[in-house]
C-alpha cells in the first residue's frame, strides 16, 4: 500500500511551520505521526500552493534506525521523496516508531530552510 504525506508551509504564532497530512486522514502541525504497515511505500509530496520551493532531504535523526533502513530517495520527475518500508521489521513488538527530519526550503524572499521532525510508526501486520 502507498501512504502519501503532503507538506504545506504555514505561519503559526509568527513562526514558520509545516502543516502535514497523510492519506490515512491524519493531520498535524510539525509533529505528524504517520502509521504504516510492513512493506508499505511512503511518498512525501508538496501540497498544492504549498509555499515550499523544494524538499531538500528526509533522514532519520537517531543513531539506531528501526524504520529507516535506507534513506528516502528523491523522485526524479517530481519534488517528492519515497521510502519502501521493509517487511518483517516489527518482529515481536507491538509497533516500531522512528523520529525523522524533513528539511525543506520555503518560497520566501530569504529561501528559509525549515527542518521539521515528525514520526513514522510501523504497525504489525
PDB file of N, CA and C in Angstrom:
ATOM      1  N   UNK A   1       0.837  -1.179   0.000  1.00  0.00           N
ATOM      2  CA  UNK A   1       0.000   0.000   0.000  1.00  0.00           C
ATOM      3  C   UNK A   1       0.884   1.245   0.000  1.00  0.00           C
ATOM      4  N   UNK A   2       0.423   2.306  -0.627  1.00  0.00           N
ATOM      5  CA  UNK A   2       1.139   3.581  -0.626  1.00  0.00           C
ATOM      6  C   UNK A   2       0.483   4.522   0.364  1.00  0.00           C
ATOM      7  N   UNK A   3       1.311   5.139   1.185  1.00  0.00           N
ATOM      8  CA  UNK A   3       0.849   6.167   2.111  1.00  0.00           C
ATOM      9  C   UNK A   3       1.523   7.466   1.679  1.00  0.00           C
ATOM     10  N   UNK A   4       0.715   8.464   1.367  1.00  0.00           N
ATOM     11  CA  UNK A   4       1.244   9.750   0.925  1.00  0.00           C
ATOM     12  C   UNK A   4       1.200  10.739   2.083  1.00  0.00           C
ATOM     13  N   UNK A   5       2.297  11.483   2.242  1.00  0.00           N
ATOM     14  CA  UNK A   5       2.381  12.551   3.240  1.00  0.00           C
ATOM     15  C   UNK A   5       2.542  13.857   2.475  1.00  0.00           C
ATOM     16  N   UNK A   6       1.601  14.781   2.688  1.00  0.00           N
ATOM     17  CA  UNK A   6       1.620  16.070   1.988  1.00  0.00           C
ATOM     18  C   UNK A   6       2.150  17.145   2.916  1.00  0.00           C
ATOM     19  N   UNK A   7       2.909  18.085   2.356  1.00  0.00           N
ATOM     20  CA  UNK A   7       3.538  19.152   3.122  1.00  0.00           C
ATOM     21  C   UNK A   7       3.049  20.503   2.634  1.00  0.00           C
ATOM     22  N   UNK A   8       2.821  21.412   3.575  1.00  0.00           N
ATOM     23  CA  UNK A   8       2.430  22.784   3.254  1.00  0.00           C
ATOM     24  C   UNK A   8       3.041  23.713   4.300  1.00  0.00           C
ATOM     25  N   UNK A   9       3.670  24.771   3.844  1.00  0.00           N
ATOM     26  CA  UNK A   9       4.237  25.775   4.744  1.00  0.00           C
ATOM     27  C   UNK A   9       3.119  26.680   5.269  1.00  0.00           C
ATOM     28  N   UNK A  10       3.125  26.919   6.578  1.00  0.00           N
ATOM     29  CA  UNK A  10       2.170  27.847   7.186  1.00  0.00           C
ATOM     30  C   UNK A  10       2.913  28.709   8.209  1.00  0.00           C
ATOM     31  N   UNK A  11       2.274  29.779   8.620  1.00  0.00           N
ATOM     32  CA  UNK A  11       2.815  30.617   9.694  1.00  0.00           C
ATOM     33  C   UNK A  11       1.850  30.521  10.867  1.00  0.00           C
ATOM     34  N   UNK A  12       2.390  30.126  12.020  1.00  0.00           N
ATOM     35  CA  UNK A  12       1.587  29.995  13.232  1.00  0.00           C
ATOM     36  C   UNK A  12       2.324  30.714  14.357  1.00  0.00           C
ATOM     37  N   UNK A  13       1.638  31.635  15.019  1.00  0.00           N
ATOM     38  CA  UNK A  13       2.254  32.439  16.082  1.00  0.00           C
ATOM     39  C   UNK A  13       3.538  33.109  15.600  1.00  0.00           C
ATOM     40  N   UNK A  14       3.501  33.624  14.370  1.00  0.00           N
ATOM     41  CA  UNK A  14       4.608  34.353  13.734  1.00  0.00           C
ATOM     42  C   UNK A  14       5.848  33.484  13.506  1.00  0.00           C
ATOM     43  N   UNK A  15       5.665  32.154  13.473  1.00  0.00           N
ATOM     44  CA  UNK A  15       6.765  31.227  13.202  1.00  0.00           C
ATOM     45  C   UNK A  15       6.418  30.377  11.993  1.00  0.00           C
ATOM     46  N   UNK A  16       7.435  30.083  11.185  1.00  0.00           N
ATOM     47  CA  UNK A  16       7.243  29.171  10.057  1.00  0.00           C
ATOM     48  C   UNK A  16       7.039  27.761  10.592  1.00  0.00           C
ATOM     49  N   UNK A  17       6.017  27.094  10.089  1.00  0.00           N
ATOM     50  CA  UNK A  17       5.692  25.731  10.496  1.00  0.00           C
ATOM     51  C   UNK A  17       5.372  24.914   9.255  1.00  0.00           C
ATOM     52  N   UNK A  18       5.245  23.623   9.462  1.00  0.00           N
ATOM     53  CA  UNK A  18       4.885  22.735   8.378  1.00  0.00           C
ATOM     54  C   UNK A  18       3.586  22.028   8.731  1.00  0.00           C
ATOM     55  N   UNK A  19       2.569  22.244   7.913  1.00  0.00           N
ATOM     56  CA  UNK A  19       1.312  21.510   8.065  1.00  0.00           C
ATOM     57  C   UNK A  19       1.495  20.207   7.300  1.00  0.00           C
ATOM     58  N   UNK A  20       1.300  19.099   7.984  1.00  0.00           N
ATOM     59  CA  UNK A  20       1.483  17.782   7.401  1.00  0.00           C
ATOM     60  C   UNK A  20       0.169  17.028   7.460  1.00  0.00           C
ATOM     61  N   UNK A  21      -0.183  16.340   6.391  1.00  0.00           N
ATOM     62  CA  UNK A  21      -1.341  15.467   6.440  1.00  0.00           C
ATOM     63  C   UNK A  21      -1.077  14.282   5.533  1.00  0.00           C
ATOM     64  N   UNK A  22      -1.613  13.118   5.920  1.00  0.00           N
ATOM     65  CA  UNK A  22      -1.329  11.916   5.155  1.00  0.00           C
ATOM     66  C   UNK A  22      -2.604  11.302   4.584  1.00  0.00           C
ATOM     67  N   UNK A  23      -2.420  10.320   3.728  1.00  0.00           N
ATOM     68  CA  UNK A  23      -3.553   9.683   3.071  1.00  0.00           C
ATOM     69  C   UNK A  23      -4.343   8.768   4.011  1.00  0.00           C
ATOM     70  N   UNK A  24      -3.886   8.632   5.256  1.00  0.00           N
ATOM     71  CA  UNK A  24      -4.635   7.905   6.286  1.00  0.00           C
ATOM     72  C   UNK A  24      -5.561   8.835   7.062  1.00  0.00           C
ATOM     73  N   UNK A  25      -5.687  10.074   6.585  1.00  0.00           N
ATOM     74  CA  UNK A  25      -6.541  11.112   7.181  1.00  0.00           C
ATOM     75  C   UNK A  25      -6.033  11.628   8.535  1.00  0.00           C
ATOM     76  N   UNK A  26      -4.718  11.589   8.733  1.00  0.00           N
ATOM     77  CA  UNK A  26      -4.106  12.187   9.918  1.00  0.00           C
ATOM     78  C   UNK A  26      -3.513  13.526   9.516  1.00  0.00           C
ATOM     79  N   UNK A  27      -3.566  14.488  10.424  1.00  0.00           N
ATOM     80  CA  UNK A  27      -3.004  15.806  10.149  1.00  0.00           C
ATOM     81  C   UNK A  27      -2.419  16.377  11.426  1.00  0.00           C
ATOM     82  N   UNK A  28      -1.386  17.203  11.273  1.00  0.00           N
ATOM     83  CA  UNK A  28      -0.769  17.860  12.421  1.00  0.00           C
ATOM     84  C   UNK A  28       0.119  18.988  11.910  1.00  0.00           C
ATOM     85  N   UNK A  29       0.513  19.830  12.830  1.00  0.00           N
ATOM     86  CA  UNK A  29       1.465  20.887  12.510  1.00  0.00           C
ATOM     87  C   UNK A  29       2.790  20.505  13.161  1.00  0.00           C
ATOM     88  N   UNK A  30       3.786  20.280  12.321  1.00  0.00           N
ATOM     89  CA  UNK A  30       5.157  19.933  12.701  1.00  0.00           C
ATOM     90  C   UNK A  30       5.341  18.533  13.292  1.00  0.00           C
ATOM     91  N   UNK A  31       4.346  17.899  13.857  1.00  0.00           N
ATOM     92  CA  UNK A  31       4.565  16.658  14.608  1.00  0.00           C
ATOM     93  C   UNK A  31       3.632  15.526  14.186  1.00  0.00           C
ATOM     94  N   UNK A  32       3.468  15.321  12.911  1.00  0.00           N
ATOM     95  CA  UNK A  32       2.597  14.257  12.426  1.00  0.00           C
ATOM     96  C   UNK A  32       3.184  12.885  12.770  1.00  0.00           C
ATOM     97  N   UNK A  33       2.335  11.972  13.179  1.00  0.00           N
ATOM     98  CA  UNK A  33       2.724  10.581  13.395  1.00  0.00           C
ATOM     99  C   UNK A  33       1.990   9.758  12.342  1.00  0.00           C
ATOM    100  N   UNK A  34       2.713   9.337  11.304  1.00  0.00           N
ATOM    101  CA  UNK A  34       2.130   8.564  10.216  1.00  0.00           C
ATOM    102  C   UNK A  34       2.262   7.079  10.526  1.00  0.00           C
ATOM    103  N   UNK A  35       1.146   6.372  10.435  1.00  0.00           N
ATOM    104  CA  UNK A  35       1.114   4.937  10.719  1.00  0.00           C
ATOM    105  C   UNK A  35       1.108   4.177   9.400  1.00  0.00           C
ATOM    106  N   UNK A  36       2.058   3.247   9.272  1.00  0.00           N
ATOM    107  CA  UNK A  36       2.172   2.417   8.082  1.00  0.00           C
ATOM    108  C   UNK A  36       2.290   0.960   8.506  1.00  0.00           C
ATOM    109  N   UNK A  37       2.246   0.075   7.535  1.00  0.00           N
ATOM    110  CA  UNK A  37       2.447  -1.346   7.789  1.00  0.00           C
ATOM    111  C   UNK A  37       3.725  -1.803   7.105  1.00  0.00           C
ATOM    112  N   UNK A  38       4.236  -2.934   7.546  1.00  0.00           N
ATOM    113  CA  UNK A  38       5.429  -3.506   6.924  1.00  0.00           C
ATOM    114  C   UNK A  38       5.201  -3.682   5.423  1.00  0.00           C
ATOM    115  N   UNK A  39       6.191  -3.327   4.618  1.00  0.00           N
ATOM    116  CA  UNK A  39       6.090  -3.461   3.174  1.00  0.00           C
ATOM    117  C   UNK A  39       5.435  -2.289   2.466  1.00  0.00           C
ATOM    118  N   UNK A  40       4.860  -1.338   3.221  1.00  0.00           N
ATOM    119  CA  UNK A  40       4.238  -0.162   2.610  1.00  0.00           C
ATOM    120  C   UNK A  40       5.288   0.756   1.983  1.00  0.00           C
ATOM    121  N   UNK A  41       4.829   1.605   1.089  1.00  0.00           N
ATOM    122  CA  UNK A  41       5.665   2.640   0.479  1.00  0.00           C
ATOM    123  C   UNK A  41       5.169   3.990   0.979  1.00  0.00           C
ATOM    124  N   UNK A  42       6.093   4.836   1.431  1.00  0.00           N
ATOM    125  CA  UNK A  42       5.750   6.187   1.876  1.00  0.00           C
ATOM    126  C   UNK A  42       6.215   7.166   0.809  1.00  0.00           C
ATOM    127  N   UNK A  43       5.314   8.068   0.411  1.00  0.00           N
ATOM    128  CA  UNK A  43       5.639   9.123  -0.553  1.00  0.00           C
ATOM    129  C   UNK A  43       5.414  10.472   0.113  1.00  0.00           C
ATOM    130  N   UNK A  44       6.438  11.328   0.123  1.00  0.00           N
ATOM    131  CA  UNK A  44       6.302  12.689   0.631  1.00  0.00           C
ATOM    132  C   UNK A  44       6.123  13.591  -0.580  1.00  0.00           C
ATOM    133  N   UNK A  45       5.078  14.421  -0.564  1.00  0.00           N
ATOM    134  CA  UNK A  45       4.772  15.289  -1.698  1.00  0.00           C
ATOM    135  C   UNK A  45       4.427  16.686  -1.203  1.00  0.00           C
ATOM    136  N   UNK A  46       4.624  17.667  -2.069  1.00  0.00           N
ATOM    137  CA  UNK A  46       4.208  19.029  -1.759  1.00  0.00           C
ATOM    138  C   UNK A  46       2.727  19.173  -2.058  1.00  0.00           C
ATOM    139  N   UNK A  47       2.006  19.809  -1.157  1.00  0.00           N
ATOM    140  CA  UNK A  47       0.599  20.102  -1.372  1.00  0.00           C
ATOM    141  C   UNK A  47       0.495  21.203  -2.429  1.00  0.00           C
ATOM    142  N   UNK A  48      -0.653  21.315  -3.068  1.00  0.00           N
ATOM    143  CA  UNK A  48      -0.861  22.440  -3.989  1.00  0.00           C
ATOM    144  C   UNK A  48      -0.712  23.734  -3.212  1.00  0.00           C
ATOM    145  N   UNK A  49      -0.105  24.727  -3.837  1.00  0.00           N
ATOM    146  CA  UNK A  49       0.135  26.026  -3.182  1.00  0.00           C
ATOM    147  C   UNK A  49       0.814  25.819  -1.828  1.00  0.00           C
ATOM    148  N   UNK A  50       1.827  24.965  -1.804  1.00  0.00           N
ATOM    149  CA  UNK A  50       2.484  24.569  -0.557  1.00  0.00           C
ATOM    150  C   UNK A  50       3.331  25.666   0.069  1.00  0.00           C
ATOM    151  N   UNK A  51       3.808  26.620  -0.735  1.00  0.00           N
ATOM    152  CA  UNK A  51       4.723  27.632  -0.204  1.00  0.00           C
ATOM    153  C   UNK A  51       6.122  27.078   0.034  1.00  0.00           C
ATOM    154  N   UNK A  52       6.388  25.905  -0.528  1.00  0.00           N
ATOM    155  CA  UNK A  52       7.688  25.244  -0.375  1.00  0.00           C
ATOM    156  C   UNK A  52       8.348  25.157  -1.750  1.00  0.00           C
ATOM    157  N   UNK A  53       9.579  25.627  -1.810  1.00  0.00           N
ATOM    158  CA  UNK A  53      10.332  25.576  -3.062  1.00  0.00           C
ATOM    159  C   UNK A  53      10.798  24.145  -3.342  1.00  0.00           C
ATOM    160  N   UNK A  54      11.324  23.470  -2.319  1.00  0.00           N
ATOM    161  CA  UNK A  54      11.801  22.106  -2.512  1.00  0.00           C
ATOM    162  C   UNK A  54      11.923  21.377  -1.179  1.00  0.00           C
ATOM    163  N   UNK A  55      11.790  20.064  -1.262  1.00  0.00           N
ATOM    164  CA  UNK A  55      12.160  19.203  -0.144  1.00  0.00           C
ATOM    165  C   UNK A  55      13.613  18.846  -0.398  1.00  0.00           C
ATOM    166  N   UNK A  56      14.489  19.225   0.509  1.00  0.00           N
ATOM    167  CA  UNK A  56      15.919  19.024   0.294  1.00  0.00           C
ATOM    168  C   UNK A  56      16.384  17.634   0.698  1.00  0.00           C
ATOM    169  N   UNK A  57      15.866  17.172   1.834  1.00  0.00           N
ATOM    170  CA  UNK A  57      16.343  15.902   2.367  1.00  0.00           C
ATOM    171  C   UNK A  57      15.363  15.392   3.409  1.00  0.00           C
ATOM    172  N   UNK A  58      15.232  14.066   3.496  1.00  0.00           N
ATOM    173  CA  UNK A  58      14.459  13.413   4.546  1.00  0.00           C
ATOM    174  C   UNK A  58      15.361  12.323   5.105  1.00  0.00           C
ATOM    175  N   UNK A  59      15.573  12.332   6.426  1.00  0.00           N
ATOM    176  CA  UNK A  59      16.505  11.372   7.021  1.00  0.00           C
ATOM    177  C   UNK A  59      16.185  11.166   8.502  1.00  0.00           C
ATOM    178  N   UNK A  60      16.648  10.051   9.028  1.00  0.00           N
ATOM    179  CA  UNK A  60      16.469   9.743  10.442  1.00  0.00           C
ATOM    180  C   UNK A  60      17.446  10.566  11.262  1.00  0.00           C
ATOM    181  N   UNK A  61      17.020  10.972  12.465  1.00  0.00           N
ATOM    182  CA  UNK A  61      17.948  11.688  13.340  1.00  0.00           C
ATOM    183  C   UNK A  61      18.335  10.832  14.546  1.00  0.00           C
ATOM    184  N   UNK A  62      18.150   9.514  14.432  1.00  0.00           N
ATOM    185  CA  UNK A  62      18.520   8.590  15.500  1.00  0.00           C
ATOM    186  C   UNK A  62      19.781   7.816  15.126  1.00  0.00           C
ATOM    187  N   UNK A  63      20.489   7.323  16.131  1.00  0.00           N
ATOM    188  CA  UNK A  63      21.686   6.510  15.880  1.00  0.00           C
ATOM    189  C   UNK A  63      21.306   5.097  15.442  1.00  0.00           C
ATOM    190  N   UNK A  64      20.202   4.588  15.983  1.00  0.00           N
ATOM    191  CA  UNK A  64      19.678   3.285  15.589  1.00  0.00           C
ATOM    192  C   UNK A  64      18.471   3.544  14.690  1.00  0.00           C
ATOM    193  N   UNK A  65      18.371   2.827  13.589  1.00  0.00           N
ATOM    194  CA  UNK A  65      17.314   3.072  12.604  1.00  0.00           C
ATOM    195  C   UNK A  65      16.349   1.892  12.523  1.00  0.00           C
ATOM    196  N   UNK A  66      15.336   1.845  13.385  1.00  0.00           N
ATOM    197  CA  UNK A  66      14.398   0.729  13.331  1.00  0.00           C
ATOM    198  C   UNK A  66      13.482   0.753  12.102  1.00  0.00           C
ATOM    199  N   UNK A  67      13.211   1.926  11.541  1.00  0.00           N
ATOM    200  CA  UNK A  67      12.314   2.050  10.387  1.00  0.00           C
ATOM    201  C   UNK A  67      13.091   2.425   9.131  1.00  0.00           C
ATOM    202  N   UNK A  68      13.948   3.425   9.216  1.00  0.00           N
ATOM    203  CA  UNK A  68      14.696   3.944   8.064  1.00  0.00           C
ATOM    204  C   UNK A  68      15.926   3.071   7.816  1.00  0.00           C
ATOM    205  N   UNK A  69      15.709   1.899   7.231  1.00  0.00           N
ATOM    206  CA  UNK A  69      16.831   1.006   6.904  1.00  0.00           C
ATOM    207  C   UNK A  69      17.662   1.596   5.771  1.00  0.00           C
ATOM    208  N   UNK A  70      17.060   2.471   4.973  1.00  0.00           N
ATOM    209  CA  UNK A  70      17.760   3.244   3.953  1.00  0.00           C
ATOM    210  C   UNK A  70      17.149   4.643   3.975  1.00  0.00           C
ATOM    211  N   UNK A  71      17.866   5.610   3.419  1.00  0.00           N
ATOM    212  CA  UNK A  71      17.319   6.968   3.374  1.00  0.00           C
ATOM    213  C   UNK A  71      16.284   7.065   2.263  1.00  0.00           C
ATOM    214  N   UNK A  72      15.229   7.850   2.476  1.00  0.00           N
ATOM    215  CA  UNK A  72      14.251   8.071   1.401  1.00  0.00           C
ATOM    216  C   UNK A  72      14.942   8.651   0.171  1.00  0.00           C
ATOM    217  N   UNK A  73      14.494   8.225  -1.004  1.00  0.00           N
ATOM    218  CA  UNK A  73      15.095   8.652  -2.266  1.00  0.00           C
ATOM    219  C   UNK A  73      14.278   9.757  -2.906  1.00  0.00           C
ATOM    220  N   UNK A  74      14.986  10.733  -3.454  1.00  0.00           N
ATOM    221  CA  UNK A  74      14.326  11.815  -4.189  1.00  0.00           C
ATOM    222  C   UNK A  74      13.768  11.250  -5.490  1.00  0.00           C
ATOM    223  N   UNK A  75      12.538  11.604  -5.814  1.00  0.00           N
ATOM    224  CA  UNK A  75      11.895  11.164  -7.042  1.00  0.00           C
ATOM    225  C   UNK A  75      12.337  12.074  -8.184  1.00  0.00           C
ATOM    226  N   UNK A  76      12.678  11.505  -9.309  1.00  0.00           N
ATOM    227  CA  UNK A  76      13.269  12.257 -10.411  1.00  0.00           C
ATOM    228  C   UNK A  76      12.344  13.292 -11.035  1.00  0.00           C
ATOM    229  N   UNK A  77      11.100  12.949 -11.290  1.00  0.00           N
ATOM    230  CA  UNK A  77      10.224  13.844 -12.044  1.00  0.00           C
ATOM    231  C   UNK A  77       9.312  14.700 -11.175  1.00  0.00           C
ATOM    232  N   UNK A  78       9.468  14.639  -9.873  1.00  0.00           N
ATOM    233  CA  UNK A  78       8.638  15.477  -9.001  1.00  0.00           C
ATOM    234  C   UNK A  78       9.494  15.998  -7.857  1.00  0.00           C
ATOM    235  N   UNK A  79       8.912  16.779  -6.994  1.00  0.00           N
ATOM    236  CA  UNK A  79       9.655  17.336  -5.871  1.00  0.00           C
ATOM    237  C   UNK A  79       9.475  16.499  -4.608  1.00  0.00           C
ATOM    238  N   UNK A  80       9.151  15.230  -4.782  1.00  0.00           N
ATOM    239  CA  UNK A  80       8.874  14.363  -3.645  1.00  0.00           C
ATOM    240  C   UNK A  80       9.983  13.391  -3.317  1.00  0.00           C
ATOM    241  N   UNK A  81       9.751  12.612  -2.250  1.00  0.00           N
ATOM    242  CA  UNK A  81      10.670  11.585  -1.808  1.00  0.00           C
ATOM    243  C   UNK A  81       9.894  10.291  -1.599  1.00  0.00           C
ATOM    244  N   UNK A  82      10.612   9.156  -1.619  1.00  0.00           N
ATOM    245  CA  UNK A  82       9.980   7.847  -1.495  1.00  0.00           C
ATOM    246  C   UNK A  82      10.804   6.950  -0.581  1.00  0.00           C
ATOM    247  N   UNK A  83      10.110   6.176   0.263  1.00  0.00           N
ATOM    248  CA  UNK A  83      10.767   5.191   1.130  1.00  0.00           C
ATOM    249  C   UNK A  83       9.938   3.918   1.127  1.00  0.00           C
ATOM    250  N   UNK A  84      10.589   2.799   0.877  1.00  0.00           N
ATOM    251  CA  UNK A  84       9.943   1.482   0.959  1.00  0.00           C
ATOM    252  C   UNK A  84      10.232   0.921   2.351  1.00  0.00           C
ATOM    253  N   UNK A  85       9.187   0.629   3.115  1.00  0.00           N
ATOM    254  CA  UNK A  85       9.346   0.041   4.440  1.00  0.00           C
ATOM    255  C   UNK A  85       9.599  -1.453   4.267  1.00  0.00           C
ATOM    256  N   UNK A  86      10.624  -1.951   4.924  1.00  0.00           N
ATOM    257  CA  UNK A  86      10.951  -3.369   4.808  1.00  0.00           C
ATOM    258  C   UNK A  86       9.881  -4.238   5.437  1.00  0.00           C
ATOM    259  N   UNK A  87       9.798  -5.476   4.960  1.00  0.00           N
ATOM    260  CA  UNK A  87       8.892  -6.450   5.562  1.00  0.00           C
ATOM    261  C   UNK A  87       9.596  -7.077   6.760  1.00  0.00           C
ATOM    262  N   UNK A  88       8.820  -7.575   7.699  1.00  0.00           N
ATOM    263  CA  UNK A  88       9.329  -8.224   8.907  1.00  0.00           C
ATOM    264  C   UNK A  88      10.214  -7.281   9.723  1.00  0.00           C
ATOM    265  N   UNK A  89       9.812  -6.037   9.844  1.00  0.00           N
ATOM    266  CA  UNK A  89      10.564  -5.045  10.597  1.00  0.00           C
ATOM    267  C   UNK A  89      10.158  -5.008  12.070  1.00  0.00           C
ATOM    268  N   UNK A  90       8.925  -5.369  12.354  1.00  0.00           N
ATOM    269  CA  UNK A  90       8.389  -5.225  13.704  1.00  0.00           C
ATOM    270  C   UNK A  90       8.834  -6.352  14.621  1.00  0.00           C
ATOM    271  N   UNK A  91       8.876  -7.578  14.149  1.00  0.00           N
ATOM    272  CA  UNK A  91       9.256  -8.702  14.992  1.00  0.00           C
ATOM    273  C   UNK A  91       8.172  -8.992  16.020  1.00  0.00           C
ATOM    274  N   UNK A  92       8.558  -9.089  17.282  1.00  0.00           N
ATOM    275  CA  UNK A  92       7.590  -9.418  18.325  1.00  0.00           C
ATOM    276  C   UNK A  92       6.986  -8.182  18.986  1.00  0.00           C
ATOM    277  N   UNK A  93       7.499  -7.009  18.667  1.00  0.00           N
ATOM    278  CA  UNK A  93       6.999  -5.779  19.295  1.00  0.00           C
ATOM    279  C   UNK A  93       5.609  -5.436  18.773  1.00  0.00           C
ATOM    280  N   UNK A  94       4.894  -4.634  19.534  1.00  0.00           N
ATOM    281  CA  UNK A  94       3.584  -4.170  19.091  1.00  0.00           C
ATOM    282  C   UNK A  94       3.718  -3.232  17.896  1.00  0.00           C
ATOM    283  N   UNK A  95       4.709  -2.360  17.938  1.00  0.00           N
ATOM    284  CA  UNK A  95       4.983  -1.450  16.834  1.00  0.00           C
ATOM    285  C   UNK A  95       6.404  -0.943  16.952  1.00  0.00           C
ATOM    286  N   UNK A  96       6.896  -0.350  15.873  1.00  0.00           N
ATOM    287  CA  UNK A  96       8.217   0.278  15.836  1.00  0.00           C
ATOM    288  C   UNK A  96       7.999   1.717  15.397  1.00  0.00           C
ATOM    289  N   UNK A  97       8.690   2.651  16.043  1.00  0.00           N
ATOM    290  CA  UNK A  97       8.494   4.066  15.735  1.00  0.00           C
ATOM    291  C   UNK A  97       9.852   4.740  15.587  1.00  0.00           C
ATOM    292  N   UNK A  98       9.930   5.691  14.662  1.00  0.00           N
ATOM    293  CA  UNK A  98      11.172   6.427  14.472  1.00  0.00           C
ATOM    294  C   UNK A  98      10.887   7.888  14.153  1.00  0.00           C
ATOM    295  N   UNK A  99      11.629   8.761  14.823  1.00  0.00           N
ATOM    296  CA  UNK A  99      11.566  10.190  14.568  1.00  0.00           C
ATOM    297  C   UNK A  99      12.510  10.488  13.400  1.00  0.00           C
ATOM    298  N   UNK A 100      12.114  11.407  12.531  1.00  0.00           N
ATOM    299  CA  UNK A 100      12.957  11.732  11.389  1.00  0.00           C
ATOM    300  C   UNK A 100      12.877  13.221  11.102  1.00  0.00           C
ATOM    301  N   UNK A 101      13.718  13.686  10.199  1.00  0.00           N
ATOM    302  CA  UNK A 101      13.795  15.110   9.847  1.00  0.00           C
ATOM    303  C   UNK A 101      13.387  15.307   8.391  1.00  0.00           C
ATOM    304  N   UNK A 102      12.546  16.319   8.169  1.00  0.00           N
ATOM    305  CA  UNK A 102      12.251  16.794   6.817  1.00  0.00           C
ATOM    306  C   UNK A 102      12.892  18.173   6.717  1.00  0.00           C
ATOM    307  N   UNK A 103      13.817  18.341   5.780  1.00  0.00           N
ATOM    308  CA  UNK A 103      14.417  19.655   5.518  1.00  0.00           C
ATOM    309  C   UNK A 103      13.838  20.178   4.214  1.00  0.00           C
ATOM    310  N   UNK A 104      13.236  21.360   4.274  1.00  0.00           N
ATOM    311  CA  UNK A 104      12.688  21.944   3.050  1.00  0.00           C
ATOM    312  C   UNK A 104      13.028  23.435   2.986  1.00  0.00           C
ATOM    313  N   UNK A 105      13.031  23.943   1.768  1.00  0.00           N
ATOM    314  CA  UNK A 105      13.293  25.354   1.526  1.00  0.00           C
ATOM    315  C   UNK A 105      11.973  26.025   1.173  1.00  0.00           C
ATOM    316  N   UNK A 106      11.661  27.104   1.877  1.00  0.00           N
ATOM    317  CA  UNK A 106      10.405  27.815   1.659  1.00  0.00           C
ATOM    318  C   UNK A 106      10.507  28.770   0.477  1.00  0.00           C
ATOM    319  N   UNK A 107       9.359  29.104  -0.084  1.00  0.00           N
ATOM    320  CA  UNK A 107       9.275  30.063  -1.191  1.00  0.00           C
ATOM    321  C   UNK A 107       9.139  31.478  -0.630  1.00  0.00           C
ATOM    322  N   UNK A 108      10.097  31.921   0.137  1.00  0.00           N
ATOM    323  CA  UNK A 108      10.064  33.290   0.632  1.00  0.00           C
ATOM    324  C   UNK A 108      11.289  34.030   0.101  1.00  0.00           C
ATOM    325  N   UNK A 109      11.386  35.290   0.385  1.00  0.00           N
ATOM    326  CA  UNK A 109      12.481  36.083  -0.179  1.00  0.00           C
ATOM    327  C   UNK A 109      13.846  35.656   0.350  1.00  0.00           C
ATOM    328  N   UNK A 110      13.878  34.969   1.499  1.00  0.00           N
ATOM    329  CA  UNK A 110      15.145  34.528   2.090  1.00  0.00           C
ATOM    330  C   UNK A 110      15.466  33.061   1.796  1.00  0.00           C
ATOM    331  N   UNK A 111      14.583  32.353   1.079  1.00  0.00           N
ATOM    332  CA  UNK A 111      14.752  30.907   0.875  1.00  0.00           C
ATOM    333  C   UNK A 111      15.018  30.197   2.207  1.00  0.00           C
ATOM    334  N   UNK A 112      14.160  30.445   3.164  1.00  0.00           N
ATOM    335  CA  UNK A 112      14.317  29.929   4.522  1.00  0.00           C
ATOM    336  C   UNK A 112      14.358  28.406   4.534  1.00  0.00           C
ATOM    337  N   UNK A 113      15.346  27.847   5.246  1.00  0.00           N
ATOM    338  CA  UNK A 113      15.446  26.411   5.444  1.00  0.00           C
ATOM    339  C   UNK A 113      14.632  26.044   6.679  1.00  0.00           C
ATOM    340  N   UNK A 114      13.707  25.100   6.535  1.00  0.00           N
ATOM    341  CA  UNK A 114      12.813  24.718   7.622  1.00  0.00           C
ATOM    342  C   UNK A 114      12.990  23.236   7.931  1.00  0.00           C
ATOM    343  N   UNK A 115      13.611  22.890   9.073  1.00  0.00           N
ATOM    344  CA  UNK A 115      13.703  21.478   9.472  1.00  0.00           C
ATOM    345  C   UNK A 115      12.573  21.126  10.442  1.00  0.00           C
ATOM    346  N   UNK A 116      11.869  20.038  10.174  1.00  0.00           N
ATOM    347  CA  UNK A 116      10.745  19.590  10.994  1.00  0.00           C
ATOM    348  C   UNK A 116      10.965  18.116  11.322  1.00  0.00           C
ATOM    349  N   UNK A 117      10.531  17.681  12.505  1.00  0.00           N
ATOM    350  CA  UNK A 117      10.776  16.288  12.894  1.00  0.00           C
ATOM    351  C   UNK A 117       9.516  15.533  13.321  1.00  0.00           C
ATOM    352  N   UNK A 118       8.827  14.943  12.338  1.00  0.00           N
ATOM    353  CA  UNK A 118       7.668  14.094  12.623  1.00  0.00           C
ATOM    354  C   UNK A 118       8.094  12.642  12.906  1.00  0.00           C
ATOM    355  N   UNK A 119       7.129  11.718  12.943  1.00  0.00           N
ATOM    356  CA  UNK A 119       7.377  10.311  13.244  1.00  0.00           C
ATOM    357  C   UNK A 119       6.781   9.399  12.182  1.00  0.00           C
ATOM    358  N   UNK A 120       7.402   8.235  12.002  1.00  0.00           N
ATOM    359  CA  UNK A 120       6.826   7.123  11.253  1.00  0.00           C
ATOM    360  C   UNK A 120       6.640   5.996  12.257  1.00  0.00           C
ATOM    361  N   UNK A 121       5.451   5.412  12.263  1.00  0.00           N
ATOM    362  CA  UNK A 121       5.157   4.301  13.168  1.00  0.00           C
ATOM    363  C   UNK A 121       4.737   3.106  12.306  1.00  0.00           C
ATOM    364  N   UNK A 122       5.455   1.986  12.460  1.00  0.00           N
ATOM    365  CA  UNK A 122       5.151   0.780  11.701  1.00  0.00           C
ATOM    366  C   UNK A 122       4.388  -0.176  12.623  1.00  0.00           C
ATOM    367  N   UNK A 123       3.167  -0.489  12.214  1.00  0.00           N
ATOM    368  CA  UNK A 123       2.296  -1.392  12.971  1.00  0.00           C
ATOM    369  C   UNK A 123       2.515  -2.812  12.466  1.00  0.00           C
ATOM    370  N   UNK A 124       2.353  -3.808  13.326  1.00  0.00           N
ATOM    371  CA  UNK A 124       2.477  -5.201  12.851  1.00  0.00           C
ATOM    372  C   UNK A 124       1.329  -5.543  11.909  1.00  0.00           C
ATOM    373  N   UNK A 125       1.579  -6.500  11.034  1.00  0.00           N
ATOM    374  CA  UNK A 125       0.570  -6.909  10.059  1.00  0.00           C
ATOM    375  C   UNK A 125      -0.549  -7.667  10.749  1.00  0.00           C
TER     376      UNK A 125
END
